[in-house]
Amino acid sequence: AIVKLQCNNTKHELVLTDKTDKNGYFYIEGTKNITSYGAHKCNVVLVSAPNGLKPSNLNGGLTGAALKPKKSFVSKGLPFFLYTVGPFAFEPKCSR
Protein backbone atom coordinates (compact mmCIF):
# COMPACT_ATOMS: atom_id res chain seq x y z
CA ALA A 1 0.00 0.00 0.00
CA ILE A 2 1.02 3.61 -0.43
CA VAL A 3 0.45 6.13 2.37
CA LYS A 4 0.82 9.91 2.42
CA LEU A 5 1.75 12.29 5.24
CA GLN A 6 0.18 15.75 4.73
CA CYS A 7 0.98 18.77 6.86
CA ASN A 8 -1.00 21.94 6.21
CA ASN A 9 0.93 24.60 8.03
CA THR A 10 0.46 28.04 6.54
CA LYS A 11 4.25 28.54 6.24
CA HIS A 12 5.46 25.05 5.34
CA GLU A 13 3.08 22.75 3.48
CA LEU A 14 4.50 19.23 3.35
CA VAL A 15 3.50 16.07 1.49
CA LEU A 16 5.56 12.87 1.82
CA THR A 17 4.66 9.35 0.63
CA ASP A 18 5.92 5.90 1.52
CA LYS A 19 5.22 2.28 0.66
CA THR A 20 4.30 -0.12 3.45
CA ASP A 21 6.28 -3.28 4.09
CA LYS A 22 4.75 -6.76 3.69
CA ASN A 23 3.19 -6.43 7.17
CA GLY A 24 1.62 -3.03 6.46
CA TYR A 25 4.08 -0.93 8.46
CA PHE A 26 5.64 2.28 7.22
CA TYR A 27 8.03 4.93 8.46
CA ILE A 28 7.98 8.50 7.18
CA GLU A 29 10.52 10.86 8.65
CA GLY A 30 9.21 14.42 8.64
CA THR A 31 11.36 17.46 8.11
CA LYS A 32 12.69 19.75 10.83
CA ASN A 33 9.81 22.11 10.00
CA ILE A 34 7.40 19.78 11.81
CA THR A 35 7.58 20.36 15.53
CA SER A 36 5.62 18.71 18.32
CA TYR A 37 3.57 21.93 18.34
CA GLY A 38 2.75 21.68 14.61
CA ALA A 39 2.13 17.94 14.37
CA HIS A 40 -1.59 18.50 15.02
CA LYS A 41 -1.78 20.03 11.51
CA CYS A 42 -0.57 16.76 9.96
CA ASN A 43 -2.45 13.60 9.00
CA VAL A 44 -1.90 10.38 7.11
CA VAL A 45 -4.12 8.99 4.33
CA LEU A 46 -4.15 5.82 2.26
CA VAL A 47 -3.28 6.58 -1.35
CA SER A 48 -3.52 3.15 -2.94
CA ALA A 49 -4.01 -0.47 -2.03
CA PRO A 50 -2.42 -3.69 -3.27
CA ASN A 51 -4.01 -6.63 -5.07
CA GLY A 52 -7.11 -4.95 -6.47
CA LEU A 53 -8.34 -3.71 -3.09
CA LYS A 54 -9.53 -0.20 -2.34
CA PRO A 55 -8.71 1.88 0.74
CA SER A 56 -11.44 2.14 3.39
CA ASN A 57 -12.05 5.00 5.80
CA LEU A 58 -11.44 2.85 8.91
CA ASN A 59 -9.56 5.06 11.40
CA GLY A 60 -9.47 7.92 8.89
CA GLY A 61 -7.71 6.07 6.08
CA LEU A 62 -9.42 8.22 3.43
CA THR A 63 -10.28 11.43 5.27
CA GLY A 64 -7.00 11.65 7.16
CA ALA A 65 -5.84 10.09 10.40
CA ALA A 66 -4.47 12.44 13.04
CA LEU A 67 -1.01 11.72 14.36
CA LYS A 68 -1.03 10.17 17.84
CA PRO A 69 2.04 10.77 20.04
CA LYS A 70 3.81 7.48 20.78
CA LYS A 71 7.30 8.01 22.18
CA SER A 72 10.03 10.65 22.50
CA PHE A 73 13.72 9.87 22.11
CA VAL A 74 17.09 11.46 21.33
CA SER A 75 19.07 10.53 18.23
CA LYS A 76 22.46 12.06 17.41
CA GLY A 77 21.91 14.59 20.16
CA LEU A 78 18.60 15.84 18.70
CA PRO A 79 15.16 15.31 20.25
CA PHE A 80 12.63 13.37 18.18
CA PHE A 81 9.06 12.29 18.70
CA LEU A 82 7.49 9.17 17.21
CA TYR A 83 3.83 9.31 16.15
CA THR A 84 1.45 6.56 15.10
CA VAL A 85 -1.80 6.24 13.12
CA GLY A 86 -4.26 3.52 12.19
CA PRO A 87 -4.60 0.70 11.79
CA PHE A 88 -5.93 1.20 8.29
CA ALA A 89 -7.90 -1.34 6.26
CA PHE A 90 -8.91 -2.15 2.72
CA GLU A 91 -12.04 -3.53 1.15
CA PRO A 92 -12.70 -5.38 -2.10
CA LYS A 93 -13.57 -3.41 -5.17
CA CYS A 94 -17.14 -4.32 -6.03
CA SER A 95 -18.35 -4.09 -9.58
CA ARG A 96 -21.94 -2.94 -9.92
PDB file of N, CA and C in Angstrom:
ATOM      1  N   ALA A   1       0.846  -1.181   0.000  1.00  0.00           N
ATOM      2  CA  ALA A   1       0.000   0.000   0.000  1.00  0.00           C
ATOM      3  C   ALA A   1       0.888   1.240   0.000  1.00  0.00           C
ATOM      4  N   ILE A   2       0.322   2.325  -0.456  1.00  0.00           N
ATOM      5  CA  ILE A   2       1.018   3.611  -0.435  1.00  0.00           C
ATOM      6  C   ILE A   2       0.268   4.527   0.532  1.00  0.00           C
ATOM      7  N   VAL A   3       1.012   5.193   1.420  1.00  0.00           N
ATOM      8  CA  VAL A   3       0.448   6.133   2.374  1.00  0.00           C
ATOM      9  C   VAL A   3       1.075   7.503   2.170  1.00  0.00           C
ATOM     10  N   LYS A   4       0.342   8.542   2.609  1.00  0.00           N
ATOM     11  CA  LYS A   4       0.819   9.905   2.415  1.00  0.00           C
ATOM     12  C   LYS A   4       0.672  10.693   3.714  1.00  0.00           C
ATOM     13  N   LEU A   5       1.761  11.366   4.116  1.00  0.00           N
ATOM     14  CA  LEU A   5       1.748  12.291   5.240  1.00  0.00           C
ATOM     15  C   LEU A   5       1.523  13.685   4.672  1.00  0.00           C
ATOM     16  N   GLN A   6       0.495  14.390   5.179  1.00  0.00           N
ATOM     17  CA  GLN A   6       0.175  15.745   4.729  1.00  0.00           C
ATOM     18  C   GLN A   6       0.214  16.671   5.930  1.00  0.00           C
ATOM     19  N   CYS A   7       0.953  17.758   5.809  1.00  0.00           N
ATOM     20  CA  CYS A   7       0.978  18.773   6.863  1.00  0.00           C
ATOM     21  C   CYS A   7       0.577  20.095   6.236  1.00  0.00           C
ATOM     22  N   ASN A   8      -0.456  20.707   6.775  1.00  0.00           N
ATOM     23  CA  ASN A   8      -0.996  21.937   6.207  1.00  0.00           C
ATOM     24  C   ASN A   8      -0.746  23.124   7.116  1.00  0.00           C
ATOM     25  N   ASN A   9       0.516  23.427   7.300  1.00  0.00           N
ATOM     26  CA  ASN A   9       0.925  24.596   8.035  1.00  0.00           C
ATOM     27  C   ASN A   9       0.931  25.757   7.048  1.00  0.00           C
ATOM     28  N   THR A  10       0.529  26.916   7.476  1.00  0.00           N
ATOM     29  CA  THR A  10       0.458  28.041   6.543  1.00  0.00           C
ATOM     30  C   THR A  10       1.824  28.430   5.982  1.00  0.00           C
ATOM     31  N   LYS A  11       2.901  28.193   6.723  1.00  0.00           N
ATOM     32  CA  LYS A  11       4.247  28.537   6.239  1.00  0.00           C
ATOM     33  C   LYS A  11       4.888  27.410   5.449  1.00  0.00           C
ATOM     34  N   HIS A  12       4.742  26.186   5.929  1.00  0.00           N
ATOM     35  CA  HIS A  12       5.457  25.054   5.339  1.00  0.00           C
ATOM     36  C   HIS A  12       4.501  23.911   5.048  1.00  0.00           C
ATOM     37  N   GLU A  13       3.935  23.883   3.854  1.00  0.00           N
ATOM     38  CA  GLU A  13       3.083  22.753   3.485  1.00  0.00           C
ATOM     39  C   GLU A  13       3.994  21.586   3.113  1.00  0.00           C
ATOM     40  N   LEU A  14       3.644  20.394   3.555  1.00  0.00           N
ATOM     41  CA  LEU A  14       4.501  19.232   3.346  1.00  0.00           C
ATOM     42  C   LEU A  14       3.661  18.037   2.924  1.00  0.00           C
ATOM     43  N   VAL A  15       4.125  17.316   1.919  1.00  0.00           N
ATOM     44  CA  VAL A  15       3.498  16.072   1.487  1.00  0.00           C
ATOM     45  C   VAL A  15       4.614  15.065   1.243  1.00  0.00           C
ATOM     46  N   LEU A  16       4.579  13.944   1.974  1.00  0.00           N
ATOM     47  CA  LEU A  16       5.556  12.866   1.815  1.00  0.00           C
ATOM     48  C   LEU A  16       4.808  11.551   1.658  1.00  0.00           C
ATOM     49  N   THR A  17       5.299  10.660   0.801  1.00  0.00           N
ATOM     50  CA  THR A  17       4.664   9.351   0.626  1.00  0.00           C
ATOM     51  C   THR A  17       5.648   8.243   0.947  1.00  0.00           C
ATOM     52  N   ASP A  18       5.097   7.071   1.240  1.00  0.00           N
ATOM     53  CA  ASP A  18       5.922   5.904   1.522  1.00  0.00           C
ATOM     54  C   ASP A  18       5.127   4.648   1.188  1.00  0.00           C
ATOM     55  N   LYS A  19       5.839   3.582   0.922  1.00  0.00           N
ATOM     56  CA  LYS A  19       5.222   2.281   0.655  1.00  0.00           C
ATOM     57  C   LYS A  19       5.340   1.438   1.926  1.00  0.00           C
ATOM     58  N   THR A  20       4.260   0.735   2.257  1.00  0.00           N
ATOM     59  CA  THR A  20       4.300  -0.115   3.446  1.00  0.00           C
ATOM     60  C   THR A  20       5.121  -1.375   3.165  1.00  0.00           C
ATOM     61  N   ASP A  21       5.591  -2.000   4.248  1.00  0.00           N
ATOM     62  CA  ASP A  21       6.280  -3.279   4.085  1.00  0.00           C
ATOM     63  C   ASP A  21       5.237  -4.393   3.952  1.00  0.00           C
ATOM     64  N   LYS A  22       5.679  -5.641   3.887  1.00  0.00           N
ATOM     65  CA  LYS A  22       4.752  -6.762   3.687  1.00  0.00           C
ATOM     66  C   LYS A  22       3.768  -6.935   4.841  1.00  0.00           C
ATOM     67  N   ASN A  23       4.077  -6.348   6.015  1.00  0.00           N
ATOM     68  CA  ASN A  23       3.187  -6.429   7.174  1.00  0.00           C
ATOM     69  C   ASN A  23       2.311  -5.186   7.329  1.00  0.00           C
ATOM     70  N   GLY A  24       2.444  -4.229   6.413  1.00  0.00           N
ATOM     71  CA  GLY A  24       1.617  -3.028   6.461  1.00  0.00           C
ATOM     72  C   GLY A  24       2.204  -1.874   7.253  1.00  0.00           C
ATOM     73  N   TYR A  25       3.454  -2.000   7.696  1.00  0.00           N
ATOM     74  CA  TYR A  25       4.081  -0.932   8.461  1.00  0.00           C
ATOM     75  C   TYR A  25       4.819   0.027   7.540  1.00  0.00           C
ATOM     76  N   PHE A  26       4.891   1.284   7.970  1.00  0.00           N
ATOM     77  CA  PHE A  26       5.641   2.280   7.215  1.00  0.00           C
ATOM     78  C   PHE A  26       6.304   3.248   8.181  1.00  0.00           C
ATOM     79  N   TYR A  27       7.324   3.939   7.675  1.00  0.00           N
ATOM     80  CA  TYR A  27       8.033   4.934   8.462  1.00  0.00           C
ATOM     81  C   TYR A  27       8.297   6.124   7.558  1.00  0.00           C
ATOM     82  N   ILE A  28       7.729   7.266   7.916  1.00  0.00           N
ATOM     83  CA  ILE A  28       7.979   8.500   7.184  1.00  0.00           C
ATOM     84  C   ILE A  28       8.641   9.461   8.155  1.00  0.00           C
ATOM     85  N   GLU A  29       9.830   9.908   7.807  1.00  0.00           N
ATOM     86  CA  GLU A  29      10.522  10.863   8.654  1.00  0.00           C
ATOM     87  C   GLU A  29      10.203  12.264   8.155  1.00  0.00           C
ATOM     88  N   GLY A  30       9.563  13.041   8.998  1.00  0.00           N
ATOM     89  CA  GLY A  30       9.214  14.417   8.643  1.00  0.00           C
ATOM     90  C   GLY A  30      10.437  15.310   8.638  1.00  0.00           C
ATOM     91  N   THR A  31      10.267  16.498   8.141  1.00  0.00           N
ATOM     92  CA  THR A  31      11.362  17.460   8.110  1.00  0.00           C
ATOM     93  C   THR A  31      11.463  18.183   9.445  1.00  0.00           C
ATOM     94  N   LYS A  32      12.494  18.980   9.596  1.00  0.00           N
ATOM     95  CA  LYS A  32      12.688  19.748  10.830  1.00  0.00           C
ATOM     96  C   LYS A  32      11.622  20.831  10.996  1.00  0.00           C
ATOM     97  N   ASN A  33      10.870  21.119   9.925  1.00  0.00           N
ATOM     98  CA  ASN A  33       9.806  22.114  10.001  1.00  0.00           C
ATOM     99  C   ASN A  33       8.614  21.635  10.823  1.00  0.00           C
ATOM    100  N   ILE A  34       8.502  20.326  11.015  1.00  0.00           N
ATOM    101  CA  ILE A  34       7.398  19.781  11.814  1.00  0.00           C
ATOM    102  C   ILE A  34       7.870  19.678  13.251  1.00  0.00           C
ATOM    103  N   THR A  35       7.236  20.416  14.112  1.00  0.00           N
ATOM    104  CA  THR A  35       7.578  20.361  15.531  1.00  0.00           C
ATOM    105  C   THR A  35       6.449  19.660  16.271  1.00  0.00           C
ATOM    106  N   SER A  36       6.684  19.342  17.533  1.00  0.00           N
ATOM    107  CA  SER A  36       5.622  18.710  18.317  1.00  0.00           C
ATOM    108  C   SER A  36       4.437  19.659  18.458  1.00  0.00           C
ATOM    109  N   TYR A  37       4.658  20.965  18.270  1.00  0.00           N
ATOM    110  CA  TYR A  37       3.569  21.932  18.339  1.00  0.00           C
ATOM    111  C   TYR A  37       2.780  21.983  17.028  1.00  0.00           C
ATOM    112  N   GLY A  38       3.415  21.623  15.914  1.00  0.00           N
ATOM    113  CA  GLY A  38       2.753  21.685  14.610  1.00  0.00           C
ATOM    114  C   GLY A  38       2.232  20.352  14.116  1.00  0.00           C
ATOM    115  N   ALA A  39       2.532  19.271  14.821  1.00  0.00           N
ATOM    116  CA  ALA A  39       2.132  17.939  14.373  1.00  0.00           C
ATOM    117  C   ALA A  39       0.620  17.790  14.284  1.00  0.00           C
ATOM    118  N   HIS A  40      -0.127  18.586  15.057  1.00  0.00           N
ATOM    119  CA  HIS A  40      -1.592  18.495  15.016  1.00  0.00           C
ATOM    120  C   HIS A  40      -2.155  18.955  13.665  1.00  0.00           C
ATOM    121  N   LYS A  41      -1.340  19.595  12.839  1.00  0.00           N
ATOM    122  CA  LYS A  41      -1.782  20.026  11.513  1.00  0.00           C
ATOM    123  C   LYS A  41      -1.429  18.989  10.446  1.00  0.00           C
ATOM    124  N   CYS A  42      -0.960  17.823  10.879  1.00  0.00           N
ATOM    125  CA  CYS A  42      -0.569  16.762   9.960  1.00  0.00           C
ATOM    126  C   CYS A  42      -1.530  15.578  10.076  1.00  0.00           C
ATOM    127  N   ASN A  43      -1.686  14.847   8.976  1.00  0.00           N
ATOM    128  CA  ASN A  43      -2.449  13.602   9.003  1.00  0.00           C
ATOM    129  C   ASN A  43      -1.906  12.653   7.951  1.00  0.00           C
ATOM    130  N   VAL A  44      -2.344  11.419   8.034  1.00  0.00           N
ATOM    131  CA  VAL A  44      -1.900  10.379   7.105  1.00  0.00           C
ATOM    132  C   VAL A  44      -3.127   9.795   6.418  1.00  0.00           C
ATOM    133  N   VAL A  45      -3.034   9.599   5.105  1.00  0.00           N
ATOM    134  CA  VAL A  45      -4.117   8.994   4.326  1.00  0.00           C
ATOM    135  C   VAL A  45      -3.580   7.830   3.502  1.00  0.00           C
ATOM    136  N   LEU A  46      -4.485   6.905   3.181  1.00  0.00           N
ATOM    137  CA  LEU A  46      -4.151   5.820   2.264  1.00  0.00           C
ATOM    138  C   LEU A  46      -4.270   6.351   0.842  1.00  0.00           C
ATOM    139  N   VAL A  47      -3.259   6.130   0.036  1.00  0.00           N
ATOM    140  CA  VAL A  47      -3.275   6.582  -1.355  1.00  0.00           C
ATOM    141  C   VAL A  47      -3.733   5.459  -2.274  1.00  0.00           C
ATOM    142  N   SER A  48      -3.151   4.286  -2.097  1.00  0.00           N
ATOM    143  CA  SER A  48      -3.516   3.149  -2.945  1.00  0.00           C
ATOM    144  C   SER A  48      -3.354   1.850  -2.173  1.00  0.00           C
ATOM    145  N   ALA A  49      -3.999   0.826  -2.679  1.00  0.00           N
ATOM    146  CA  ALA A  49      -4.009  -0.473  -2.028  1.00  0.00           C
ATOM    147  C   ALA A  49      -3.461  -1.538  -2.975  1.00  0.00           C
ATOM    148  N   PRO A  50      -2.935  -2.610  -2.432  1.00  0.00           N
ATOM    149  CA  PRO A  50      -2.419  -3.690  -3.270  1.00  0.00           C
ATOM    150  C   PRO A  50      -3.509  -4.670  -3.699  1.00  0.00           C
ATOM    151  N   ASN A  51      -3.200  -5.472  -4.683  1.00  0.00           N
ATOM    152  CA  ASN A  51      -4.011  -6.633  -5.068  1.00  0.00           C
ATOM    153  C   ASN A  51      -5.474  -6.331  -5.380  1.00  0.00           C
ATOM    154  N   GLY A  52      -5.746  -5.236  -6.060  1.00  0.00           N
ATOM    155  CA  GLY A  52      -7.115  -4.948  -6.470  1.00  0.00           C
ATOM    156  C   GLY A  52      -8.052  -4.537  -5.353  1.00  0.00           C
ATOM    157  N   LEU A  53      -7.519  -4.174  -4.205  1.00  0.00           N
ATOM    158  CA  LEU A  53      -8.344  -3.710  -3.090  1.00  0.00           C
ATOM    159  C   LEU A  53      -8.472  -2.197  -3.157  1.00  0.00           C
ATOM    160  N   LYS A  54      -9.421  -1.651  -2.406  1.00  0.00           N
ATOM    161  CA  LYS A  54      -9.534  -0.198  -2.340  1.00  0.00           C
ATOM    162  C   LYS A  54      -9.434   0.230  -0.878  1.00  0.00           C
ATOM    163  N   PRO A  55      -8.842   1.396  -0.628  1.00  0.00           N
ATOM    164  CA  PRO A  55      -8.713   1.884   0.742  1.00  0.00           C
ATOM    165  C   PRO A  55     -10.093   2.116   1.367  1.00  0.00           C
ATOM    166  N   SER A  56     -10.208   1.841   2.663  1.00  0.00           N
ATOM    167  CA  SER A  56     -11.441   2.137   3.395  1.00  0.00           C
ATOM    168  C   SER A  56     -11.179   3.338   4.304  1.00  0.00           C
ATOM    169  N   ASN A  57     -12.220   3.855   4.912  1.00  0.00           N
ATOM    170  CA  ASN A  57     -12.050   5.002   5.801  1.00  0.00           C
ATOM    171  C   ASN A  57     -11.926   4.580   7.266  1.00  0.00           C
ATOM    172  N   LEU A  58     -11.655   3.309   7.538  1.00  0.00           N
ATOM    173  CA  LEU A  58     -11.443   2.849   8.908  1.00  0.00           C
ATOM    174  C   LEU A  58     -10.306   3.663   9.532  1.00  0.00           C
ATOM    175  N   ASN A  59     -10.544   4.235  10.689  1.00  0.00           N
ATOM    176  CA  ASN A  59      -9.557   5.055  11.405  1.00  0.00           C
ATOM    177  C   ASN A  59      -9.035   6.228  10.587  1.00  0.00           C
ATOM    178  N   GLY A  60      -9.851   6.738   9.661  1.00  0.00           N
ATOM    179  CA  GLY A  60      -9.465   7.917   8.891  1.00  0.00           C
ATOM    180  C   GLY A  60      -8.571   7.639   7.703  1.00  0.00           C
ATOM    181  N   GLY A  61      -8.580   6.421   7.200  1.00  0.00           N
ATOM    182  CA  GLY A  61      -7.713   6.067   6.084  1.00  0.00           C
ATOM    183  C   GLY A  61      -7.914   6.908   4.833  1.00  0.00           C
ATOM    184  N   LEU A  62      -9.140   7.377   4.603  1.00  0.00           N
ATOM    185  CA  LEU A  62      -9.421   8.219   3.428  1.00  0.00           C
ATOM    186  C   LEU A  62      -9.502   9.704   3.770  1.00  0.00           C
ATOM    187  N   THR A  63     -10.087  10.021   4.908  1.00  0.00           N
ATOM    188  CA  THR A  63     -10.282  11.427   5.268  1.00  0.00           C
ATOM    189  C   THR A  63      -9.078  12.026   5.976  1.00  0.00           C
ATOM    190  N   GLY A  64      -8.200  11.180   6.479  1.00  0.00           N
ATOM    191  CA  GLY A  64      -6.996  11.650   7.155  1.00  0.00           C
ATOM    192  C   GLY A  64      -6.980  11.281   8.620  1.00  0.00           C
ATOM    193  N   ALA A  65      -5.989  10.510   9.005  1.00  0.00           N
ATOM    194  CA  ALA A  65      -5.835  10.086  10.398  1.00  0.00           C
ATOM    195  C   ALA A  65      -4.883  11.037  11.106  1.00  0.00           C
ATOM    196  N   ALA A  66      -5.319  11.555  12.248  1.00  0.00           N
ATOM    197  CA  ALA A  66      -4.474  12.443  13.041  1.00  0.00           C
ATOM    198  C   ALA A  66      -3.304  11.663  13.629  1.00  0.00           C
ATOM    199  N   LEU A  67      -2.182  12.336  13.753  1.00  0.00           N
ATOM    200  CA  LEU A  67      -1.005  11.718  14.361  1.00  0.00           C
ATOM    201  C   LEU A  67      -1.221  11.593  15.861  1.00  0.00           C
ATOM    202  N   LYS A  68      -0.904  10.412  16.405  1.00  0.00           N
ATOM    203  CA  LYS A  68      -1.026  10.172  17.844  1.00  0.00           C
ATOM    204  C   LYS A  68       0.379  10.048  18.425  1.00  0.00           C
ATOM    205  N   PRO A  69       0.714  10.857  19.445  1.00  0.00           N
ATOM    206  CA  PRO A  69       2.044  10.766  20.041  1.00  0.00           C
ATOM    207  C   PRO A  69       2.297   9.382  20.615  1.00  0.00           C
ATOM    208  N   LYS A  70       3.475   8.832  20.332  1.00  0.00           N
ATOM    209  CA  LYS A  70       3.808   7.483  20.784  1.00  0.00           C
ATOM    210  C   LYS A  70       4.980   7.492  21.771  1.00  0.00           C
ATOM    211  N   LYS A  71       6.103   8.123  21.363  1.00  0.00           N
ATOM    212  CA  LYS A  71       7.303   8.009  22.183  1.00  0.00           C
ATOM    213  C   LYS A  71       8.297   9.103  21.792  1.00  0.00           C
ATOM    214  N   SER A  72       8.963   9.683  22.782  1.00  0.00           N
ATOM    215  CA  SER A  72      10.029  10.647  22.497  1.00  0.00           C
ATOM    216  C   SER A  72      11.376   9.959  22.705  1.00  0.00           C
ATOM    217  N   PHE A  73      12.385  10.413  21.974  1.00  0.00           N
ATOM    218  CA  PHE A  73      13.724   9.865  22.108  1.00  0.00           C
ATOM    219  C   PHE A  73      14.728  10.870  21.576  1.00  0.00           C
ATOM    220  N   VAL A  74      16.010  10.606  21.814  1.00  0.00           N
ATOM    221  CA  VAL A  74      17.087  11.460  21.326  1.00  0.00           C
ATOM    222  C   VAL A  74      17.944  10.638  20.384  1.00  0.00           C
ATOM    223  N   SER A  75      18.231  11.191  19.210  1.00  0.00           N
ATOM    224  CA  SER A  75      19.074  10.532  18.226  1.00  0.00           C
ATOM    225  C   SER A  75      20.106  11.540  17.730  1.00  0.00           C
ATOM    226  N   LYS A  76      21.359  11.174  17.823  1.00  0.00           N
ATOM    227  CA  LYS A  76      22.464  12.056  17.407  1.00  0.00           C
ATOM    228  C   LYS A  76      22.376  13.410  18.106  1.00  0.00           C
ATOM    229  N   GLY A  77      21.981  13.383  19.362  1.00  0.00           N
ATOM    230  CA  GLY A  77      21.906  14.589  20.163  1.00  0.00           C
ATOM    231  C   GLY A  77      20.699  15.467  19.914  1.00  0.00           C
ATOM    232  N   LEU A  78      19.790  15.048  19.020  1.00  0.00           N
ATOM    233  CA  LEU A  78      18.603  15.837  18.704  1.00  0.00           C
ATOM    234  C   LEU A  78      17.347  15.143  19.223  1.00  0.00           C
ATOM    235  N   PRO A  79      16.406  15.915  19.771  1.00  0.00           N
ATOM    236  CA  PRO A  79      15.163  15.306  20.255  1.00  0.00           C
ATOM    237  C   PRO A  79      14.232  14.960  19.088  1.00  0.00           C
ATOM    238  N   PHE A  80      13.594  13.822  19.178  1.00  0.00           N
ATOM    239  CA  PHE A  80      12.631  13.370  18.179  1.00  0.00           C
ATOM    240  C   PHE A  80      11.386  12.877  18.886  1.00  0.00           C
ATOM    241  N   PHE A  81      10.294  12.838  18.157  1.00  0.00           N
ATOM    242  CA  PHE A  81       9.062  12.288  18.700  1.00  0.00           C
ATOM    243  C   PHE A  81       8.469  11.356  17.663  1.00  0.00           C
ATOM    244  N   LEU A  82       8.091  10.171  18.079  1.00  0.00           N
ATOM    245  CA  LEU A  82       7.488   9.170  17.211  1.00  0.00           C
ATOM    246  C   LEU A  82       5.972   9.253  17.341  1.00  0.00           C
ATOM    247  N   TYR A  83       5.283   9.276  16.185  1.00  0.00           N
ATOM    248  CA  TYR A  83       3.827   9.313  16.152  1.00  0.00           C
ATOM    249  C   TYR A  83       3.312   8.054  15.468  1.00  0.00           C
ATOM    250  N   THR A  84       2.063   7.725  15.718  1.00  0.00           N
ATOM    251  CA  THR A  84       1.450   6.556  15.102  1.00  0.00           C
ATOM    252  C   THR A  84       0.065   6.928  14.563  1.00  0.00           C
ATOM    253  N   VAL A  85      -0.440   6.109  13.656  1.00  0.00           N
ATOM    254  CA  VAL A  85      -1.802   6.244  13.124  1.00  0.00           C
ATOM    255  C   VAL A  85      -2.370   4.842  12.903  1.00  0.00           C
ATOM    256  N   GLY A  86      -3.664   4.778  12.615  1.00  0.00           N
ATOM    257  CA  GLY A  86      -4.259   3.520  12.190  1.00  0.00           C
ATOM    258  C   GLY A  86      -4.702   2.638  13.333  1.00  0.00           C
ATOM    259  N   PRO A  87      -4.895   1.382  13.045  1.00  0.00           N
ATOM    260  CA  PRO A  87      -4.599   0.696  11.788  1.00  0.00           C
ATOM    261  C   PRO A  87      -5.588   1.055  10.683  1.00  0.00           C
ATOM    262  N   PHE A  88      -5.102   0.973   9.462  1.00  0.00           N
ATOM    263  CA  PHE A  88      -5.934   1.205   8.292  1.00  0.00           C
ATOM    264  C   PHE A  88      -6.391  -0.138   7.738  1.00  0.00           C
ATOM    265  N   ALA A  89      -7.377  -0.103   6.847  1.00  0.00           N
ATOM    266  CA  ALA A  89      -7.895  -1.339   6.264  1.00  0.00           C
ATOM    267  C   ALA A  89      -8.291  -1.100   4.813  1.00  0.00           C
ATOM    268  N   PHE A  90      -8.490  -2.182   4.122  1.00  0.00           N
ATOM    269  CA  PHE A  90      -8.910  -2.151   2.720  1.00  0.00           C
ATOM    270  C   PHE A  90     -10.161  -2.978   2.559  1.00  0.00           C
ATOM    271  N   GLU A  91     -10.855  -2.756   1.450  1.00  0.00           N
ATOM    272  CA  GLU A  91     -12.044  -3.530   1.152  1.00  0.00           C
ATOM    273  C   GLU A  91     -12.001  -3.915  -0.317  1.00  0.00           C
ATOM    274  N   PRO A  92     -12.708  -4.965  -0.690  1.00  0.00           N
ATOM    275  CA  PRO A  92     -12.699  -5.377  -2.102  1.00  0.00           C
ATOM    276  C   PRO A  92     -13.386  -4.353  -2.976  1.00  0.00           C
ATOM    277  N   LYS A  93     -12.899  -4.255  -4.192  1.00  0.00           N
ATOM    278  CA  LYS A  93     -13.572  -3.408  -5.172  1.00  0.00           C
ATOM    279  C   LYS A  93     -14.758  -4.194  -5.716  1.00  0.00           C
ATOM    280  N   CYS A  94     -15.928  -3.638  -5.564  1.00  0.00           N
ATOM    281  CA  CYS A  94     -17.140  -4.322  -6.027  1.00  0.00           C
ATOM    282  C   CYS A  94     -17.570  -3.734  -7.367  1.00  0.00           C
ATOM    283  N   SER A  95     -17.827  -4.585  -8.298  1.00  0.00           N
ATOM    284  CA  SER A  95     -18.349  -4.093  -9.581  1.00  0.00           C
ATOM    285  C   SER A  95     -19.877  -4.100  -9.501  1.00  0.00           C
ATOM    286  N   ARG A  96     -20.467  -3.058  -9.991  1.00  0.00           N
ATOM    287  CA  ARG A  96     -21.938  -2.944  -9.922  1.00  0.00           C
ATOM    288  C   ARG A  96     -22.525  -3.040 -11.289  1.00  0.00           C
TER     289      ARG A  96
END
